[in-house]
Each structure stands twice: as structure tokens, then as C-alpha cells.
Amino acid sequence: MTLAGFLISALPPACLSAYGTCLWTPVYGPINLNPRVFDMSLDSVRAFFASHAPDIDVIVTEASSATVALAADAHGVLPAQIAKTICLRVGERTMLVVTSGIARLDNRKFKDRLGGKPRMLDADEVLRATSHPPGGVCPFGLPAPLPVYCDESLRAFDEVVPAAGATNAAVRIAPQRMADLTGAEWVDVCQ
């Protein structure tokens, strides 16, 4: 990483207005909406599939699919078929947990299985860890390997629809194939 890149990555999003527009969200706080960042994220996912599963197309829609409800509408599936990816930290370990769109983490199960209480990362931490913006987070095209866990709630479906690196991009994939492609471990951590 260049010195300029390091300095930019260390600045809070409000300071990055020269590089892109910031949006304040009540859940994630400020999100840098720099289109170059999102294009790179989507490109990393496209490159991942071109290399590992060229038969899977990245679907880009006009409509936002940044939430489970929006994604289900955009792709014509049940909300439960959306594979939501949550970026969490347990102690010093950052990980991705992929669950059914309507599943909720069970803190007791999570702690028993993964060794601690999960803490959701804020938008900047998510972007740094995955290169994907909130609403486009997925286990594909990551800048560095992260542990990926697929929750059993996904196995109820032959096909799920996870995001693909942008708030309007997704793929259609069998849950087991997603787990195989990402090296995910199956867990039961939801209610």
C-alpha cells in the first residue's frame, strides 16, 4: 500500500469528501460512497467468479438490493432465500457469517460454537476487512482470507441469493457450492 493510500484509509469518512460522497446511516454510521471503491469491489467479485466458477453470473440490477427486503424484491425470491453476510469480530478475530435473510443470530449458540460474543463491525471496518460496502458484503472477492461460516438456515433452499460486492449486485448459487467456493464451515448459530 502506498503512503497516500494508507493515509486515506486512516481518515474518517467525513474527511474523504474530496474522494467521494459520504452518507450517514443510523446503523453503520458514515459510509463512503466513492464510486471507485464500489466498482473495485464489484470487480473483485466478478474476478473471483471468472476464476473459480465461470458458470455463475454476477447479476447487477437497477434497483438497490442493500437490504433483505429490497434484495428479495429485486430478485423475485423469498426474503429467507437471501443469503445475508454479516461481518463480525470475536476478540481479535474478524469473520463472515452467512445466514438466511430472515435468520437471527443466537448469542448463546454463537458463543458456544465460535468462542465468544459477536460484535458487528461498523461500516468502515467492514469496508476495510472485505472491500465490500454494507449492503453488498459477501464472502467472494475478499482482499485477504477471512474465516467464513455458513449457517444451517441456508440448507432449507436449493438456491440462495447473496450480495456480490455492490448494493445492487448478487449471484444465484446453491448453498453447498457457496460454502465449497469460499471454504466455509457449516455452523448452527441462528435462532
C-alpha atoms as a PDB file:
ATOM      1  CA  MET A   1       0.000   0.000   0.000  1.00  0.00           C
ATOM      2  CA  THR A   2       1.297   3.456  -0.821  1.00  0.00           C
ATOM      3  CA  LEU A   3       1.714   6.089   1.873  1.00  0.00           C
ATOM      4  CA  ALA A   4      -1.122   8.114   0.332  1.00  0.00           C
ATOM      5  CA  GLY A   5      -3.360   5.043   0.334  1.00  0.00           C
ATOM      6  CA  PHE A   6      -2.540   4.374   3.969  1.00  0.00           C
ATOM      7  CA  LEU A   7      -3.263   7.956   4.974  1.00  0.00           C
ATOM      8  CA  ILE A   8      -6.571   7.962   3.110  1.00  0.00           C
ATOM      9  CA  SER A   9      -7.585   4.629   4.682  1.00  0.00           C
ATOM     10  CA  ALA A  10      -6.806   6.023   8.147  1.00  0.00           C
ATOM     11  CA  LEU A  11      -9.018   9.091   7.741  1.00  0.00           C
ATOM     12  CA  PRO A  12     -12.613   9.084   8.950  1.00  0.00           C
ATOM     13  CA  PRO A  13     -15.089   9.069   6.048  1.00  0.00           C
ATOM     14  CA  ALA A  14     -16.101  12.676   6.671  1.00  0.00           C
ATOM     15  CA  CYS A  15     -12.568  13.667   5.691  1.00  0.00           C
ATOM     16  CA  LEU A  16     -12.781  11.829   2.386  1.00  0.00           C
ATOM     17  CA  SER A  17     -15.210  14.193   0.691  1.00  0.00           C
ATOM     18  CA  ALA A  18     -12.552  15.011  -1.903  1.00  0.00           C
ATOM     19  CA  TYR A  19     -12.532  11.328  -2.889  1.00  0.00           C
ATOM     20  CA  GLY A  20     -16.238  10.585  -2.760  1.00  0.00           C
ATOM     21  CA  THR A  21     -19.522  11.365  -1.111  1.00  0.00           C
ATOM     22  CA  CYS A  22     -20.272  10.256   2.432  1.00  0.00           C
ATOM     23  CA  LEU A  23     -23.638   9.079   3.674  1.00  0.00           C
ATOM     24  CA  TRP A  24     -24.563   8.877   7.345  1.00  0.00           C
ATOM     25  CA  THR A  25     -26.624   5.806   8.256  1.00  0.00           C
ATOM     26  CA  PRO A  26     -28.128   5.148  11.678  1.00  0.00           C
ATOM     27  CA  VAL A  27     -26.869   1.554  11.779  1.00  0.00           C
ATOM     28  CA  TYR A  28     -23.409   1.802  10.217  1.00  0.00           C
ATOM     29  CA  GLY A  29     -22.615   5.494  10.707  1.00  0.00           C
ATOM     30  CA  PRO A  30     -20.817   7.244   7.844  1.00  0.00           C
ATOM     31  CA  ILE A  31     -20.373   5.294   4.618  1.00  0.00           C
ATOM     32  CA  ASN A  32     -18.001   6.466   1.921  1.00  0.00           C
ATOM     33  CA  LEU A  33     -19.949   6.335  -1.326  1.00  0.00           C
ATOM     34  CA  ASN A  34     -16.909   6.700  -3.551  1.00  0.00           C
ATOM     35  CA  PRO A  35     -17.967   5.003  -6.811  1.00  0.00           C
ATOM     36  CA  ARG A  36     -14.393   3.873  -7.442  1.00  0.00           C
ATOM     37  CA  VAL A  37     -14.488   1.831  -4.228  1.00  0.00           C
ATOM     38  CA  PHE A  38     -17.739   0.132  -5.218  1.00  0.00           C
ATOM     39  CA  ASP A  39     -16.565  -0.576  -8.755  1.00  0.00           C
ATOM     40  CA  MET A  40     -13.402  -2.199  -7.382  1.00  0.00           C
ATOM     41  CA  SER A  41     -15.478  -4.305  -5.003  1.00  0.00           C
ATOM     42  CA  LEU A  42     -17.798  -5.496  -7.754  1.00  0.00           C
ATOM     43  CA  ASP A  43     -14.780  -6.124  -9.997  1.00  0.00           C
ATOM     44  CA  SER A  44     -13.146  -8.280  -7.299  1.00  0.00           C
ATOM     45  CA  VAL A  45     -16.303 -10.417  -7.093  1.00  0.00           C
ATOM     46  CA  ARG A  46     -16.501 -10.719 -10.885  1.00  0.00           C
ATOM     47  CA  ALA A  47     -12.828 -11.750 -10.958  1.00  0.00           C
ATOM     48  CA  PHE A  48     -13.468 -14.317  -8.212  1.00  0.00           C
ATOM     49  CA  PHE A  49     -16.247 -15.965 -10.208  1.00  0.00           C
ATOM     50  CA  ALA A  50     -14.351 -15.734 -13.504  1.00  0.00           C
ATOM     51  CA  SER A  51     -11.520 -17.644 -11.846  1.00  0.00           C
ATOM     52  CA  HIS A  52     -13.397 -20.104  -9.598  1.00  0.00           C
ATOM     53  CA  ALA A  53     -16.885 -20.537 -11.099  1.00  0.00           C
ATOM     54  CA  PRO A  54     -17.186 -19.049 -14.597  1.00  0.00           C
ATOM     55  CA  ASP A  55     -20.659 -20.579 -14.977  1.00  0.00           C
ATOM     56  CA  ILE A  56     -22.047 -18.216 -12.305  1.00  0.00           C
ATOM     57  CA  ASP A  57     -23.081 -14.763 -13.481  1.00  0.00           C
ATOM     58  CA  VAL A  58     -22.997 -11.676 -11.303  1.00  0.00           C
ATOM     59  CA  ILE A  59     -26.429 -10.070 -11.608  1.00  0.00           C
ATOM     60  CA  VAL A  60     -26.487  -6.263 -11.487  1.00  0.00           C
ATOM     61  CA  THR A  61     -29.913  -4.665 -11.117  1.00  0.00           C
ATOM     62  CA  GLU A  62     -31.151  -1.105 -11.426  1.00  0.00           C
ATOM     63  CA  ALA A  63     -32.898  -1.475  -8.080  1.00  0.00           C
ATOM     64  CA  SER A  64     -30.993  -1.489  -4.810  1.00  0.00           C
ATOM     65  CA  SER A  65     -30.671  -4.818  -3.041  1.00  0.00           C
ATOM     66  CA  ALA A  66     -28.949  -3.378   0.029  1.00  0.00           C
ATOM     67  CA  THR A  67     -31.457  -4.890   2.483  1.00  0.00           C
ATOM     68  CA  VAL A  68     -33.040  -8.321   2.663  1.00  0.00           C
ATOM     69  CA  ALA A  69     -36.465  -6.945   1.642  1.00  0.00           C
ATOM     70  CA  LEU A  70     -35.051  -4.948  -1.289  1.00  0.00           C
ATOM     71  CA  ALA A  71     -32.947  -7.900  -2.451  1.00  0.00           C
ATOM     72  CA  ALA A  72     -35.914 -10.282  -2.311  1.00  0.00           C
ATOM     73  CA  ASP A  73     -37.983  -7.846  -4.400  1.00  0.00           C
ATOM     74  CA  ALA A  74     -35.174  -7.204  -6.889  1.00  0.00           C
ATOM     75  CA  HIS A  75     -34.527 -10.925  -7.451  1.00  0.00           C
ATOM     76  CA  GLY A  76     -38.055 -12.298  -7.101  1.00  0.00           C
ATOM     77  CA  VAL A  77     -37.309 -14.648  -4.211  1.00  0.00           C
ATOM     78  CA  LEU A  78     -38.476 -15.080  -0.633  1.00  0.00           C
ATOM     79  CA  PRO A  79     -36.641 -12.971   1.964  1.00  0.00           C
ATOM     80  CA  ALA A  80     -35.451 -16.227   3.551  1.00  0.00           C
ATOM     81  CA  GLN A  81     -33.629 -17.089   0.285  1.00  0.00           C
ATOM     82  CA  ILE A  82     -31.416 -14.020   0.549  1.00  0.00           C
ATOM     83  CA  ALA A  83     -28.058 -15.102   1.936  1.00  0.00           C
ATOM     84  CA  LYS A  84     -27.066 -12.206   4.184  1.00  0.00           C
ATOM     85  CA  THR A  85     -23.406 -11.914   5.068  1.00  0.00           C
ATOM     86  CA  ILE A  86     -22.582 -10.426   8.455  1.00  0.00           C
ATOM     87  CA  CYS A  87     -19.065  -9.197   9.225  1.00  0.00           C
ATOM     88  CA  LEU A  88     -18.322  -9.844  12.902  1.00  0.00           C
ATOM     89  CA  ARG A  89     -15.481  -9.759  15.358  1.00  0.00           C
ATOM     90  CA  VAL A  90     -14.925 -12.115  18.269  1.00  0.00           C
ATOM     91  CA  GLY A  91     -11.988 -10.869  20.304  1.00  0.00           C
ATOM     92  CA  GLU A  92      -9.370 -10.064  17.668  1.00  0.00           C
ATOM     93  CA  ARG A  93     -10.803 -12.454  15.038  1.00  0.00           C
ATOM     94  CA  THR A  94     -12.796 -10.982  12.147  1.00  0.00           C
ATOM     95  CA  MET A  95     -15.116 -13.385  10.364  1.00  0.00           C
ATOM     96  CA  LEU A  96     -18.045 -13.605   7.977  1.00  0.00           C
ATOM     97  CA  VAL A  97     -21.242 -15.439   8.877  1.00  0.00           C
ATOM     98  CA  VAL A  98     -23.695 -16.120   6.059  1.00  0.00           C
ATOM     99  CA  THR A  99     -27.283 -16.802   7.137  1.00  0.00           C
ATOM    100  CA  SER A 100     -30.759 -16.955   5.698  1.00  0.00           C
ATOM    101  CA  GLY A 101     -32.199 -13.495   5.194  1.00  0.00           C
ATOM    102  CA  ILE A 102     -34.724 -13.927   7.988  1.00  0.00           C
ATOM    103  CA  ALA A 103     -32.472 -15.750  10.470  1.00  0.00           C
ATOM    104  CA  ARG A 104     -31.246 -14.022  13.603  1.00  0.00           C
ATOM    105  CA  LEU A 105     -28.038 -14.853  15.414  1.00  0.00           C
ATOM    106  CA  ASP A 106     -28.453 -16.714  18.684  1.00  0.00           C
ATOM    107  CA  ASN A 107     -25.813 -15.278  21.030  1.00  0.00           C
ATOM    108  CA  ARG A 108     -25.609 -18.432  23.181  1.00  0.00           C
ATOM    109  CA  LYS A 109     -25.190 -20.760  20.190  1.00  0.00           C
ATOM    110  CA  PHE A 110     -22.703 -18.361  18.623  1.00  0.00           C
ATOM    111  CA  LYS A 111     -20.602 -18.098  21.778  1.00  0.00           C
ATOM    112  CA  ASP A 112     -20.642 -21.859  22.342  1.00  0.00           C
ATOM    113  CA  ARG A 113     -19.680 -22.621  18.734  1.00  0.00           C
ATOM    114  CA  LEU A 114     -17.320 -19.761  17.836  1.00  0.00           C
ATOM    115  CA  GLY A 115     -15.788 -18.955  21.195  1.00  0.00           C
ATOM    116  CA  GLY A 116     -17.118 -15.554  22.164  1.00  0.00           C
ATOM    117  CA  LYS A 117     -19.747 -12.890  21.910  1.00  0.00           C
ATOM    118  CA  PRO A 118     -20.021 -11.455  18.387  1.00  0.00           C
ATOM    119  CA  ARG A 119     -19.582  -7.738  17.750  1.00  0.00           C
ATOM    120  CA  MET A 120     -20.805  -6.253  14.487  1.00  0.00           C
ATOM    121  CA  LEU A 121     -18.232  -4.132  12.702  1.00  0.00           C
ATOM    122  CA  ASP A 122     -19.041  -0.564  11.687  1.00  0.00           C
ATOM    123  CA  ALA A 123     -19.163   0.434   8.016  1.00  0.00           C
ATOM    124  CA  ASP A 124     -15.502   1.472   7.789  1.00  0.00           C
ATOM    125  CA  GLU A 125     -14.329  -1.730   9.463  1.00  0.00           C
ATOM    126  CA  VAL A 126     -16.498  -3.806   7.120  1.00  0.00           C
ATOM    127  CA  LEU A 127     -15.124  -1.999   4.073  1.00  0.00           C
ATOM    128  CA  ARG A 128     -11.521  -2.452   5.257  1.00  0.00           C
ATOM    129  CA  ALA A 129     -11.998  -6.140   6.075  1.00  0.00           C
ATOM    130  CA  THR A 130     -13.962  -7.164   2.976  1.00  0.00           C
ATOM    131  CA  SER A 131     -13.547  -4.331   0.418  1.00  0.00           C
ATOM    132  CA  HIS A 132     -17.350  -4.512   0.093  1.00  0.00           C
ATOM    133  CA  PRO A 133     -19.792  -1.791   1.189  1.00  0.00           C
ATOM    134  CA  PRO A 134     -22.583  -2.555   3.668  1.00  0.00           C
ATOM    135  CA  GLY A 135     -25.465  -3.904   1.619  1.00  0.00           C
ATOM    136  CA  GLY A 136     -23.004  -5.563  -0.784  1.00  0.00           C
ATOM    137  CA  VAL A 137     -20.991  -7.646   1.681  1.00  0.00           C
ATOM    138  CA  CYS A 138     -20.363 -11.201   0.540  1.00  0.00           C
ATOM    139  CA  PRO A 139     -17.777 -13.951   1.048  1.00  0.00           C
ATOM    140  CA  PHE A 140     -16.445 -13.602  -2.530  1.00  0.00           C
ATOM    141  CA  GLY A 141     -13.576 -11.481  -3.856  1.00  0.00           C
ATOM    142  CA  LEU A 142     -12.090 -10.647  -0.468  1.00  0.00           C
ATOM    143  CA  PRO A 143      -8.766  -8.773  -0.332  1.00  0.00           C
ATOM    144  CA  ALA A 144      -7.401 -11.279   2.221  1.00  0.00           C
ATOM    145  CA  PRO A 145      -8.727 -14.585   3.527  1.00  0.00           C
ATOM    146  CA  LEU A 146     -11.299 -14.414   6.333  1.00  0.00           C
ATOM    147  CA  PRO A 147     -12.961 -17.319   8.107  1.00  0.00           C
ATOM    148  CA  VAL A 148     -16.395 -17.872   6.554  1.00  0.00           C
ATOM    149  CA  TYR A 149     -19.210 -19.694   8.332  1.00  0.00           C
ATOM    150  CA  CYS A 150     -22.453 -20.710   6.622  1.00  0.00           C
ATOM    151  CA  ASP A 151     -25.395 -21.156   8.939  1.00  0.00           C
ATOM    152  CA  GLU A 152     -27.588 -24.242   8.632  1.00  0.00           C
ATOM    153  CA  SER A 153     -30.561 -21.947   7.882  1.00  0.00           C
ATOM    154  CA  LEU A 154     -29.298 -21.754   4.274  1.00  0.00           C
ATOM    155  CA  ARG A 155     -29.721 -25.506   3.719  1.00  0.00           C
ATOM    156  CA  ALA A 156     -33.518 -25.121   3.512  1.00  0.00           C
ATOM    157  CA  PHE A 157     -33.089 -23.877  -0.082  1.00  0.00           C
ATOM    158  CA  ASP A 158     -31.721 -25.324  -3.316  1.00  0.00           C
ATOM    159  CA  GLU A 159     -30.630 -21.822  -4.340  1.00  0.00           C
ATOM    160  CA  VAL A 160     -29.830 -18.690  -2.346  1.00  0.00           C
ATOM    161  CA  VAL A 161     -29.054 -15.129  -3.415  1.00  0.00           C
ATOM    162  CA  PRO A 162     -26.076 -13.500  -1.683  1.00  0.00           C
ATOM    163  CA  ALA A 163     -24.863  -9.993  -2.473  1.00  0.00           C
ATOM    164  CA  ALA A 164     -21.949  -9.649  -4.866  1.00  0.00           C
ATOM    165  CA  GLY A 165     -19.852  -6.695  -3.758  1.00  0.00           C
ATOM    166  CA  ALA A 166     -22.264  -3.850  -4.520  1.00  0.00           C
ATOM    167  CA  THR A 167     -25.630  -2.722  -3.201  1.00  0.00           C
ATOM    168  CA  ASN A 168     -27.261  -3.709  -6.477  1.00  0.00           C
ATOM    169  CA  ALA A 169     -25.371  -6.902  -7.319  1.00  0.00           C
ATOM    170  CA  ALA A 170     -25.960 -10.541  -6.402  1.00  0.00           C
ATOM    171  CA  VAL A 171     -25.490 -14.117  -7.567  1.00  0.00           C
ATOM    172  CA  ARG A 172     -27.751 -17.154  -7.548  1.00  0.00           C
ATOM    173  CA  ILE A 173     -25.962 -20.152  -6.078  1.00  0.00           C
ATOM    174  CA  ALA A 174     -26.589 -23.434  -4.265  1.00  0.00           C
ATOM    175  CA  PRO A 175     -25.696 -23.095  -0.567  1.00  0.00           C
ATOM    176  CA  GLN A 176     -23.263 -26.027  -0.649  1.00  0.00           C
ATOM    177  CA  ARG A 177     -21.494 -24.623  -3.708  1.00  0.00           C
ATOM    178  CA  MET A 178     -21.146 -21.249  -1.970  1.00  0.00           C
ATOM    179  CA  ALA A 179     -19.630 -22.998   1.050  1.00  0.00           C
ATOM    180  CA  ASP A 180     -17.275 -25.008  -1.162  1.00  0.00           C
ATOM    181  CA  LEU A 181     -16.122 -21.962  -3.166  1.00  0.00           C
ATOM    182  CA  THR A 182     -15.419 -19.894  -0.052  1.00  0.00           C
ATOM    183  CA  GLY A 183     -14.002 -22.654   2.133  1.00  0.00           C
ATOM    184  CA  ALA A 184     -16.830 -22.054   4.591  1.00  0.00           C
ATOM    185  CA  GLU A 185     -17.559 -24.186   7.602  1.00  0.00           C
ATOM    186  CA  TRP A 186     -21.186 -25.120   8.332  1.00  0.00           C
ATOM    187  CA  VAL A 187     -22.438 -23.995  11.751  1.00  0.00           C
ATOM    188  CA  ASP A 188     -25.730 -23.713  13.652  1.00  0.00           C
ATOM    189  CA  VAL A 189     -25.621 -20.236  15.201  1.00  0.00           C
ATOM    190  CA  CYS A 190     -29.087 -18.836  14.499  1.00  0.00           C
ATOM    191  CA  GLN A 191     -32.409 -18.948  16.346  1.00  0.00           C
END
